[in-house]
């Protein structure tokens, strides 16, 4: 990056805009959607499928700045986007302990799940 001339994202912050080398205009496949949840009662560690209603609710709760959906009157658009996602994928909860010590076990669970759903 030292040799290139990048535009700063904001002054006085060491953060720069980098143009992507490639641009893909076609939609890419969507894999499983995981809603992260901490292992604490009543939840136990693991991966569980969500039905359509649970998935739509969970995805809405994961929205970036969800209060903006209503303020910008985008409820219909957000709902339709969620439904498009659900026609292309499935949603699951991934309940796991917090902290890096549990990460290897969580990765093993994810890899096993990916094999189970035919992703790998």
C-alpha atoms as a PDB file:
ATOM      1  CA  UNK A   1       0.000   0.000   0.000  1.00  0.00           C
ATOM      2  CA  UNK A   2       2.942   2.317   0.498  1.00  0.00           C
ATOM      3  CA  UNK A   3       3.517   2.633  -3.251  1.00  0.00           C
ATOM      4  CA  UNK A   4      -0.089   3.398  -4.169  1.00  0.00           C
ATOM      5  CA  UNK A   5      -1.996   6.635  -3.849  1.00  0.00           C
ATOM      6  CA  UNK A   6      -5.174   5.825  -1.884  1.00  0.00           C
ATOM      7  CA  UNK A   7      -7.867   8.285  -0.913  1.00  0.00           C
ATOM      8  CA  UNK A   8      -8.426   8.593   2.837  1.00  0.00           C
ATOM      9  CA  UNK A   9     -11.861   7.539   4.086  1.00  0.00           C
ATOM     10  CA  UNK A  10     -11.698  10.248   6.725  1.00  0.00           C
ATOM     11  CA  UNK A  11      -9.071  12.783   7.690  1.00  0.00           C
ATOM     12  CA  UNK A  12      -6.798  12.013  10.631  1.00  0.00           C
ATOM     13  CA  UNK A  13      -7.677   8.310  10.523  1.00  0.00           C
ATOM     14  CA  UNK A  14      -5.305   5.799   9.002  1.00  0.00           C
ATOM     15  CA  UNK A  15      -8.086   4.268   6.872  1.00  0.00           C
ATOM     16  CA  UNK A  16      -8.186   4.366   3.074  1.00  0.00           C
ATOM     17  CA  UNK A  17     -10.539   3.459   0.246  1.00  0.00           C
ATOM     18  CA  UNK A  18      -9.146   0.641  -1.886  1.00  0.00           C
ATOM     19  CA  UNK A  19     -10.853  -0.092  -5.206  1.00  0.00           C
ATOM     20  CA  UNK A  20     -11.635  -3.764  -5.773  1.00  0.00           C
ATOM     21  CA  UNK A  21      -9.566  -5.538  -8.404  1.00  0.00           C
ATOM     22  CA  UNK A  22     -12.597  -7.415  -9.743  1.00  0.00           C
ATOM     23  CA  UNK A  23     -16.265  -6.566  -9.824  1.00  0.00           C
ATOM     24  CA  UNK A  24     -18.948  -9.252  -9.965  1.00  0.00           C
ATOM     25  CA  UNK A  25     -22.324  -8.094 -11.211  1.00  0.00           C
ATOM     26  CA  UNK A  26     -24.113 -11.446 -11.033  1.00  0.00           C
ATOM     27  CA  UNK A  27     -25.426 -12.588  -7.649  1.00  0.00           C
ATOM     28  CA  UNK A  28     -23.174 -15.047  -5.862  1.00  0.00           C
ATOM     29  CA  UNK A  29     -24.585 -18.187  -4.226  1.00  0.00           C
ATOM     30  CA  UNK A  30     -25.795 -17.746  -0.674  1.00  0.00           C
ATOM     31  CA  UNK A  31     -24.806 -20.393   1.834  1.00  0.00           C
ATOM     32  CA  UNK A  32     -26.329 -21.151   5.216  1.00  0.00           C
ATOM     33  CA  UNK A  33     -27.182 -18.139   7.384  1.00  0.00           C
ATOM     34  CA  UNK A  34     -26.078 -18.456  11.001  1.00  0.00           C
ATOM     35  CA  UNK A  35     -27.602 -16.390  13.785  1.00  0.00           C
ATOM     36  CA  UNK A  36     -25.009 -16.290  16.552  1.00  0.00           C
ATOM     37  CA  UNK A  37     -26.135 -16.900  20.113  1.00  0.00           C
ATOM     38  CA  UNK A  38     -24.169 -17.362  23.321  1.00  0.00           C
ATOM     39  CA  UNK A  39     -24.327 -20.639  25.199  1.00  0.00           C
ATOM     40  CA  UNK A  40     -26.102 -19.807  28.437  1.00  0.00           C
ATOM     41  CA  UNK A  41     -29.311 -21.187  29.941  1.00  0.00           C
ATOM     42  CA  UNK A  42     -31.655 -22.171  28.478  1.00  0.00           C
ATOM     43  CA  UNK A  43     -29.487 -22.556  25.349  1.00  0.00           C
ATOM     44  CA  UNK A  44     -26.948 -25.307  24.757  1.00  0.00           C
ATOM     45  CA  UNK A  45     -24.136 -25.332  22.208  1.00  0.00           C
ATOM     46  CA  UNK A  46     -24.910 -26.490  18.710  1.00  0.00           C
ATOM     47  CA  UNK A  47     -26.500 -25.706  15.376  1.00  0.00           C
ATOM     48  CA  UNK A  48     -30.274 -25.801  14.954  1.00  0.00           C
ATOM     49  CA  UNK A  49     -32.479 -25.057  11.947  1.00  0.00           C
ATOM     50  CA  UNK A  50     -34.938 -22.167  12.117  1.00  0.00           C
ATOM     51  CA  UNK A  51     -38.364 -22.336  10.505  1.00  0.00           C
ATOM     52  CA  UNK A  52     -39.308 -19.583   8.072  1.00  0.00           C
ATOM     53  CA  UNK A  53     -40.986 -17.368  10.674  1.00  0.00           C
ATOM     54  CA  UNK A  54     -38.137 -17.732  13.164  1.00  0.00           C
ATOM     55  CA  UNK A  55     -35.593 -17.076  10.413  1.00  0.00           C
ATOM     56  CA  UNK A  56     -37.333 -13.928   9.164  1.00  0.00           C
ATOM     57  CA  UNK A  57     -37.589 -12.573  12.708  1.00  0.00           C
ATOM     58  CA  UNK A  58     -33.981 -13.419  13.527  1.00  0.00           C
ATOM     59  CA  UNK A  59     -32.654 -11.848  10.333  1.00  0.00           C
ATOM     60  CA  UNK A  60     -34.596  -8.656  10.989  1.00  0.00           C
ATOM     61  CA  UNK A  61     -33.123  -8.506  14.496  1.00  0.00           C
ATOM     62  CA  UNK A  62     -29.636  -8.755  12.970  1.00  0.00           C
ATOM     63  CA  UNK A  63     -30.150  -5.743  10.710  1.00  0.00           C
ATOM     64  CA  UNK A  64     -27.545  -3.027  10.796  1.00  0.00           C
ATOM     65  CA  UNK A  65     -29.166  -0.141  12.668  1.00  0.00           C
ATOM     66  CA  UNK A  66     -32.661  -1.668  12.586  1.00  0.00           C
ATOM     67  CA  UNK A  67     -34.308   1.568  13.736  1.00  0.00           C
ATOM     68  CA  UNK A  68     -33.451   3.014  10.319  1.00  0.00           C
ATOM     69  CA  UNK A  69     -35.675   0.465   8.559  1.00  0.00           C
ATOM     70  CA  UNK A  70     -38.754   2.070  10.036  1.00  0.00           C
ATOM     71  CA  UNK A  71     -37.508   5.655   9.901  1.00  0.00           C
ATOM     72  CA  UNK A  72     -36.724   5.292   6.203  1.00  0.00           C
ATOM     73  CA  UNK A  73     -40.020   3.459   5.555  1.00  0.00           C
ATOM     74  CA  UNK A  74     -38.150   0.412   4.225  1.00  0.00           C
ATOM     75  CA  UNK A  75     -40.089  -2.309   6.070  1.00  0.00           C
ATOM     76  CA  UNK A  76     -41.523  -3.740   2.835  1.00  0.00           C
ATOM     77  CA  UNK A  77     -38.161  -3.730   1.061  1.00  0.00           C
ATOM     78  CA  UNK A  78     -36.437  -5.338   4.033  1.00  0.00           C
ATOM     79  CA  UNK A  79     -39.147  -8.003   4.273  1.00  0.00           C
ATOM     80  CA  UNK A  80     -38.843  -8.796   0.545  1.00  0.00           C
ATOM     81  CA  UNK A  81     -35.053  -8.966   0.775  1.00  0.00           C
ATOM     82  CA  UNK A  82     -35.355 -11.361   3.714  1.00  0.00           C
ATOM     83  CA  UNK A  83     -37.792 -13.560   1.786  1.00  0.00           C
ATOM     84  CA  UNK A  84     -35.461 -13.613  -1.241  1.00  0.00           C
ATOM     85  CA  UNK A  85     -32.661 -14.742   1.065  1.00  0.00           C
ATOM     86  CA  UNK A  86     -34.849 -17.472   2.524  1.00  0.00           C
ATOM     87  CA  UNK A  87     -35.682 -18.833  -0.952  1.00  0.00           C
ATOM     88  CA  UNK A  88     -31.956 -19.211  -1.632  1.00  0.00           C
ATOM     89  CA  UNK A  89     -30.750 -20.439   1.740  1.00  0.00           C
ATOM     90  CA  UNK A  90     -31.640 -21.785   5.161  1.00  0.00           C
ATOM     91  CA  UNK A  91     -31.127 -20.109   8.515  1.00  0.00           C
ATOM     92  CA  UNK A  92     -29.735 -21.698  11.651  1.00  0.00           C
ATOM     93  CA  UNK A  93     -28.811 -20.683  15.148  1.00  0.00           C
ATOM     94  CA  UNK A  94     -25.172 -21.239  16.023  1.00  0.00           C
ATOM     95  CA  UNK A  95     -25.087 -21.360  19.794  1.00  0.00           C
ATOM     96  CA  UNK A  96     -21.550 -21.316  21.138  1.00  0.00           C
ATOM     97  CA  UNK A  97     -19.526 -20.228  24.162  1.00  0.00           C
ATOM     98  CA  UNK A  98     -17.989 -16.788  24.002  1.00  0.00           C
ATOM     99  CA  UNK A  99     -14.206 -16.554  23.867  1.00  0.00           C
ATOM    100  CA  UNK A 100     -11.434 -17.845  21.691  1.00  0.00           C
ATOM    101  CA  UNK A 101     -10.811 -21.026  23.706  1.00  0.00           C
ATOM    102  CA  UNK A 102     -13.962 -22.625  22.240  1.00  0.00           C
ATOM    103  CA  UNK A 103     -13.212 -21.554  18.668  1.00  0.00           C
ATOM    104  CA  UNK A 104     -11.631 -24.851  17.468  1.00  0.00           C
ATOM    105  CA  UNK A 105     -14.690 -26.834  18.606  1.00  0.00           C
ATOM    106  CA  UNK A 106     -17.068 -24.320  16.968  1.00  0.00           C
ATOM    107  CA  UNK A 107     -15.116 -24.556  13.705  1.00  0.00           C
ATOM    108  CA  UNK A 108     -15.367 -28.348  13.844  1.00  0.00           C
ATOM    109  CA  UNK A 109     -19.154 -28.029  14.326  1.00  0.00           C
ATOM    110  CA  UNK A 110     -19.419 -25.670  11.360  1.00  0.00           C
ATOM    111  CA  UNK A 111     -17.361 -27.924   9.097  1.00  0.00           C
ATOM    112  CA  UNK A 112     -19.490 -30.928  10.073  1.00  0.00           C
ATOM    113  CA  UNK A 113     -22.635 -28.908   9.360  1.00  0.00           C
ATOM    114  CA  UNK A 114     -21.321 -27.784   5.970  1.00  0.00           C
ATOM    115  CA  UNK A 115     -20.726 -31.439   5.051  1.00  0.00           C
ATOM    116  CA  UNK A 116     -24.233 -32.321   6.296  1.00  0.00           C
ATOM    117  CA  UNK A 117     -25.926 -29.667   4.133  1.00  0.00           C
ATOM    118  CA  UNK A 118     -23.731 -30.476   1.116  1.00  0.00           C
ATOM    119  CA  UNK A 119     -21.778 -27.230   1.111  1.00  0.00           C
ATOM    120  CA  UNK A 120     -18.433 -29.068   1.063  1.00  0.00           C
END
